[in-house]
């Protein structure tokens, strides 16, 4: 990929937003010299991308680099902020989850507050909440997909809706035979199509067990709806100035189980997984 090819691809696809090119480091350990080169190269590519994009009239999100070097994360954020971009992608590829907050904050503390910050790889509800606490605005929606691939339905609530949750599980496994005779909706409080009659836990369990395509389709529609409701509840919590309290209540209320979908991390983004991804159809 070159800046010229990047501009050609963006012009052909006409996305709502385009991310600039970046020299991404995907492994955990790198020497400072390589990290400095990554920041310099990404800034140079950004300038070339911005020059090429002037005639495209498409908003550009710039990558904020720096990997594990705090000084370089700060430099990347400050120098990127000087460019005429519409938002930022805070790059976390190759970093360990235990130290992410430290690196995110080093970047976001040096970015303007009036432009959105996007991050990939923080997809579970706990990681989304932690990302928001550290200044992130936008997240990928892969949690809904991963839950669907595992045959799981999202049922967790946040903020004012938390009292409607009667369980400490964030998801339920529709592969479980105990749902074969459960004719209740996936979530009685949910307004999605998959939770309307005549759909039920038993029906979706049957569809999964029979390898019917409709099973994952209904499950995915429910999970996307639930994730959207989760984000809407977060926005209300922020507007009410009680986000940190709601976040603490959420963490106390829900517990992780051995088979919880939260244990499936984003392998494709070089963030180490705790276990192998569960396949959709069990043998």
Protein backbone atom coordinates (compact mmCIF):
# COMPACT_ATOMS: atom_id res chain seq x y z
CA UNK A 1 0.00 0.00 0.00
CA UNK A 2 1.24 3.48 -0.92
CA UNK A 3 -0.37 6.91 -0.34
CA UNK A 4 -1.37 6.95 -4.02
CA UNK A 5 -3.04 3.53 -3.77
CA UNK A 6 -4.66 4.58 -0.49
CA UNK A 7 -6.23 7.60 -2.19
CA UNK A 8 -7.36 5.44 -5.10
CA UNK A 9 -9.04 2.94 -2.75
CA UNK A 10 -10.72 5.68 -0.68
CA UNK A 11 -11.98 7.35 -3.85
CA UNK A 12 -13.38 4.05 -5.13
CA UNK A 13 -15.14 3.00 -1.91
CA UNK A 14 -16.21 6.51 -0.75
CA UNK A 15 -16.45 5.61 2.97
CA UNK A 16 -18.06 7.93 5.51
CA UNK A 17 -14.67 8.13 7.25
CA UNK A 18 -11.21 6.98 6.18
CA UNK A 19 -8.31 6.14 8.50
CA UNK A 20 -4.86 7.29 7.47
CA UNK A 21 -2.06 4.84 6.75
CA UNK A 22 0.08 3.82 9.72
CA UNK A 23 3.28 1.90 10.35
CA UNK A 24 1.85 -0.52 12.90
CA UNK A 25 3.93 -2.56 15.32
CA UNK A 26 2.10 -5.79 16.14
CA UNK A 27 4.45 -7.47 18.62
CA UNK A 28 4.75 -6.70 22.32
CA UNK A 29 8.49 -5.95 22.58
CA UNK A 30 10.25 -3.50 20.27
CA UNK A 31 13.30 -1.26 20.65
CA UNK A 32 12.80 2.50 20.92
CA UNK A 33 14.46 3.07 17.55
CA UNK A 34 11.78 1.02 15.78
CA UNK A 35 8.99 2.82 17.67
CA UNK A 36 10.41 6.24 16.75
CA UNK A 37 10.58 5.18 13.10
CA UNK A 38 6.95 3.99 13.31
CA UNK A 39 5.79 7.39 14.58
CA UNK A 40 7.85 9.33 12.01
CA UNK A 41 6.68 7.18 9.11
CA UNK A 42 3.02 7.35 10.20
CA UNK A 43 3.20 11.15 10.40
CA UNK A 44 4.79 11.33 6.96
CA UNK A 45 2.12 9.05 5.49
CA UNK A 46 -0.57 11.11 7.22
CA UNK A 47 0.69 14.28 5.51
CA UNK A 48 0.69 12.51 2.15
CA UNK A 49 -2.79 11.07 2.79
CA UNK A 50 -4.13 14.52 3.72
CA UNK A 51 -2.68 16.00 0.53
CA UNK A 52 -4.31 13.26 -1.54
CA UNK A 53 -7.63 13.49 0.32
CA UNK A 54 -8.24 17.22 -0.22
CA UNK A 55 -10.04 16.53 -3.49
CA UNK A 56 -11.97 13.55 -2.03
CA UNK A 57 -13.98 15.50 0.59
CA UNK A 58 -13.92 12.57 3.03
CA UNK A 59 -13.22 12.97 6.78
CA UNK A 60 -9.86 11.55 7.85
CA UNK A 61 -9.11 9.85 11.17
CA UNK A 62 -5.38 9.86 11.93
CA UNK A 63 -3.58 7.03 13.73
CA UNK A 64 -1.92 7.94 17.02
CA UNK A 65 1.10 5.70 17.44
CA UNK A 66 3.89 5.18 19.99
CA UNK A 67 3.42 1.54 21.00
CA UNK A 68 4.98 0.98 24.47
CA UNK A 69 7.05 4.17 24.51
CA UNK A 70 5.18 6.82 26.53
CA UNK A 71 7.27 9.71 25.19
CA UNK A 72 6.57 8.62 21.62
CA UNK A 73 2.85 8.21 22.32
CA UNK A 74 2.79 11.79 23.61
CA UNK A 75 4.82 13.07 20.63
CA UNK A 76 2.60 11.23 18.17
CA UNK A 77 -0.56 12.62 19.79
CA UNK A 78 0.72 16.20 19.87
CA UNK A 79 2.08 16.23 16.32
CA UNK A 80 -0.98 14.46 14.91
CA UNK A 81 -3.23 17.02 16.62
CA UNK A 82 -1.51 19.76 14.63
CA UNK A 83 -2.83 18.25 11.38
CA UNK A 84 -6.22 19.06 9.88
CA UNK A 85 -7.93 15.76 10.71
CA UNK A 86 -11.48 15.05 11.87
CA UNK A 87 -10.69 12.37 14.45
CA UNK A 88 -8.11 9.94 15.79
CA UNK A 89 -7.48 6.19 15.97
CA UNK A 90 -5.59 5.38 19.17
CA UNK A 91 -3.42 2.45 18.14
CA UNK A 92 -3.20 -0.40 20.68
CA UNK A 93 -2.05 -3.25 18.47
CA UNK A 94 0.47 -5.58 20.06
CA UNK A 95 -0.06 -4.29 23.60
CA UNK A 96 -0.91 -6.36 26.66
CA UNK A 97 -4.39 -5.75 28.09
CA UNK A 98 -3.09 -5.29 31.65
CA UNK A 99 -1.25 -2.09 30.70
CA UNK A 100 -3.65 -0.58 28.16
CA UNK A 101 -5.09 2.16 30.39
CA UNK A 102 -1.64 3.64 30.95
CA UNK A 103 -0.91 3.82 27.21
CA UNK A 104 -4.39 5.04 26.25
CA UNK A 105 -4.20 7.89 28.74
CA UNK A 106 -0.78 8.95 27.45
CA UNK A 107 -2.36 9.42 24.02
CA UNK A 108 -5.79 10.84 24.90
CA UNK A 109 -4.44 13.38 27.41
CA UNK A 110 -2.64 15.03 24.49
CA UNK A 111 -5.49 15.02 21.97
CA UNK A 112 -8.11 17.77 21.52
CA UNK A 113 -11.36 17.05 23.34
CA UNK A 114 -13.57 18.29 20.50
CA UNK A 115 -12.62 15.49 18.09
CA UNK A 116 -13.60 11.80 18.42
CA UNK A 117 -11.12 9.10 19.45
CA UNK A 118 -11.59 5.58 18.06
CA UNK A 119 -9.97 2.39 19.33
CA UNK A 120 -10.05 -1.20 18.05
CA UNK A 121 -9.77 -4.25 20.29
CA UNK A 122 -11.60 -2.98 23.38
CA UNK A 123 -14.82 -4.83 22.59
CA UNK A 124 -16.02 -6.45 25.84
CA UNK A 125 -18.31 -4.34 28.07
CA UNK A 126 -15.69 -3.98 30.82
CA UNK A 127 -13.02 -2.87 28.34
CA UNK A 128 -15.43 -0.44 26.68
CA UNK A 129 -16.22 1.12 30.06
CA UNK A 130 -12.52 1.33 30.93
CA UNK A 131 -11.79 2.88 27.54
CA UNK A 132 -14.43 5.55 28.12
CA UNK A 133 -12.89 6.35 31.52
CA UNK A 134 -9.61 6.91 29.68
CA UNK A 135 -10.99 9.25 27.04
CA UNK A 136 -12.12 6.95 24.20
CA UNK A 137 -15.34 7.78 22.30
CA UNK A 138 -15.73 5.09 19.61
CA UNK A 139 -15.31 1.30 19.71
CA UNK A 140 -15.59 -1.61 17.30
CA UNK A 141 -18.73 -3.75 17.55
CA UNK A 142 -17.04 -7.15 17.39
CA UNK A 143 -18.43 -8.22 20.78
CA UNK A 144 -21.86 -8.82 19.20
CA UNK A 145 -20.28 -10.93 16.46
CA UNK A 146 -18.13 -12.95 18.87
CA UNK A 147 -21.11 -13.64 21.10
CA UNK A 148 -23.11 -14.81 18.10
CA UNK A 149 -20.29 -17.06 16.92
CA UNK A 150 -20.34 -18.67 20.36
CA UNK A 151 -24.11 -19.18 20.25
CA UNK A 152 -24.58 -16.67 23.06
CA UNK A 153 -27.19 -13.96 23.62
CA UNK A 154 -26.24 -10.69 25.31
CA UNK A 155 -28.46 -9.92 28.32
CA UNK A 156 -26.47 -7.42 30.43
CA UNK A 157 -27.80 -3.97 31.32
CA UNK A 158 -26.13 -0.72 32.33
CA UNK A 159 -27.01 2.36 34.34
CA UNK A 160 -30.67 2.87 35.13
CA UNK A 161 -31.54 -0.39 33.35
CA UNK A 162 -29.28 -2.47 35.61
CA UNK A 163 -32.09 -3.12 38.09
CA UNK A 164 -33.91 -5.01 35.32
CA UNK A 165 -31.19 -7.66 35.27
CA UNK A 166 -32.05 -10.71 37.39
CA UNK A 167 -28.80 -12.53 36.65
CA UNK A 168 -25.09 -11.98 37.14
CA UNK A 169 -24.29 -13.41 33.72
CA UNK A 170 -23.69 -11.07 30.81
CA UNK A 171 -24.60 -13.69 28.20
CA UNK A 172 -26.54 -16.95 27.99
CA UNK A 173 -25.41 -19.98 25.98
CA UNK A 174 -28.21 -21.01 23.59
CA UNK A 175 -26.39 -24.27 22.86
CA UNK A 176 -27.27 -25.37 26.40
CA UNK A 177 -29.90 -28.17 26.29
CA UNK A 178 -31.72 -26.61 29.26
CA UNK A 179 -33.13 -24.04 26.84
CA UNK A 180 -34.75 -26.69 24.62
CA UNK A 181 -38.03 -26.31 26.54
CA UNK A 182 -37.71 -22.62 27.47
CA UNK A 183 -40.32 -20.71 25.49
CA UNK A 184 -39.51 -17.31 26.96
CA UNK A 185 -37.79 -14.60 24.84
CA UNK A 186 -34.02 -14.21 24.98
CA UNK A 187 -34.62 -11.12 27.13
CA UNK A 188 -38.14 -10.26 28.24
CA UNK A 189 -37.23 -6.54 28.37
CA UNK A 190 -35.67 -6.47 24.88
CA UNK A 191 -37.41 -4.76 21.96
CA UNK A 192 -35.57 -6.49 19.11
CA UNK A 193 -37.22 -8.67 16.46
CA UNK A 194 -35.61 -11.84 17.82
CA UNK A 195 -37.31 -11.28 21.18
CA UNK A 196 -40.79 -10.86 19.70
CA UNK A 197 -43.29 -13.71 19.49
CA UNK A 198 -43.16 -16.45 18.32
CA UNK A 199 -39.36 -16.46 18.78
CA UNK A 200 -38.04 -18.01 21.99
CA UNK A 201 -34.92 -19.46 23.58
CA UNK A 202 -36.15 -22.96 22.69
CA UNK A 203 -36.65 -21.98 19.04
CA UNK A 204 -33.20 -20.43 18.67
CA UNK A 205 -31.65 -23.40 20.51
CA UNK A 206 -33.35 -25.67 17.97
CA UNK A 207 -32.11 -23.56 15.04
CA UNK A 208 -28.53 -23.70 16.28
CA UNK A 209 -28.75 -27.42 16.96
CA UNK A 210 -30.15 -28.01 13.46
CA UNK A 211 -27.46 -25.78 11.89
CA UNK A 212 -30.17 -23.54 10.42
CA UNK A 213 -28.93 -20.19 9.09
CA UNK A 214 -31.82 -18.37 10.76
CA UNK A 215 -30.39 -19.16 14.21
CA UNK A 216 -27.27 -17.00 13.98
CA UNK A 217 -29.22 -14.33 12.07
CA UNK A 218 -31.73 -13.93 14.91
CA UNK A 219 -28.97 -14.11 17.50
CA UNK A 220 -26.88 -11.49 15.70
CA UNK A 221 -29.83 -9.10 15.36
CA UNK A 222 -30.48 -9.44 19.10
CA UNK A 223 -26.83 -8.96 20.06
CA UNK A 224 -26.38 -5.88 17.88
CA UNK A 225 -29.56 -4.39 19.36
CA UNK A 226 -28.38 -5.11 22.91
CA UNK A 227 -24.95 -3.61 22.27
CA UNK A 228 -26.61 -0.51 20.83
CA UNK A 229 -28.80 -0.25 23.95
CA UNK A 230 -25.69 -0.62 26.12
CA UNK A 231 -24.02 2.32 24.37
CA UNK A 232 -27.21 4.39 24.61
CA UNK A 233 -27.34 3.73 28.37
CA UNK A 234 -23.69 4.81 28.65
CA UNK A 235 -24.47 8.11 26.89
CA UNK A 236 -27.35 8.75 29.29
CA UNK A 237 -25.09 7.95 32.23
CA UNK A 238 -22.46 10.41 31.02
CA UNK A 239 -25.10 13.11 30.49
CA UNK A 240 -26.34 12.51 34.04
CA UNK A 241 -22.76 12.81 35.36
CA UNK A 242 -22.91 9.41 37.06
CA UNK A 243 -20.86 7.29 34.66
CA UNK A 244 -18.13 6.26 37.10
CA UNK A 245 -20.69 5.22 39.72
CA UNK A 246 -22.67 3.23 37.13
CA UNK A 247 -19.46 1.64 35.90
CA UNK A 248 -18.58 0.51 39.42
CA UNK A 249 -22.07 -0.92 39.94
CA UNK A 250 -21.83 -2.80 36.64
CA UNK A 251 -18.48 -4.31 37.61
CA UNK A 252 -19.82 -5.41 40.99
CA UNK A 253 -23.05 -6.84 39.59
CA UNK A 254 -21.80 -9.00 36.74
CA UNK A 255 -19.42 -11.90 37.11
CA UNK A 256 -17.33 -13.71 34.53
CA UNK A 257 -17.91 -17.43 34.09
CA UNK A 258 -15.54 -20.05 32.75
CA UNK A 259 -17.26 -20.09 29.35
CA UNK A 260 -18.10 -16.40 29.12
CA UNK A 261 -17.62 -14.80 25.72
CA UNK A 262 -15.52 -12.10 27.42
CA UNK A 263 -12.63 -14.55 27.46
CA UNK A 264 -12.46 -14.43 23.67
CA UNK A 265 -10.09 -11.59 22.88
CA UNK A 266 -9.44 -10.08 19.49
CA UNK A 267 -6.84 -12.43 18.01
CA UNK A 268 -6.99 -10.68 14.64
CA UNK A 269 -5.72 -7.48 16.26
CA UNK A 270 -2.69 -9.23 17.81
CA UNK A 271 -4.18 -8.93 21.30
CA UNK A 272 -3.47 -12.24 22.97
CA UNK A 273 -6.46 -14.53 23.47
CA UNK A 274 -7.05 -16.38 26.72
CA UNK A 275 -8.41 -19.36 24.84
CA UNK A 276 -9.26 -20.47 21.34
CA UNK A 277 -12.34 -19.02 19.68
CA UNK A 278 -15.44 -21.20 20.00
CA UNK A 279 -16.82 -22.38 16.67
CA UNK A 280 -20.43 -21.68 15.79
CA UNK A 281 -21.54 -25.26 15.33
CA UNK A 282 -20.59 -27.71 18.03
CA UNK A 283 -19.89 -31.29 17.03
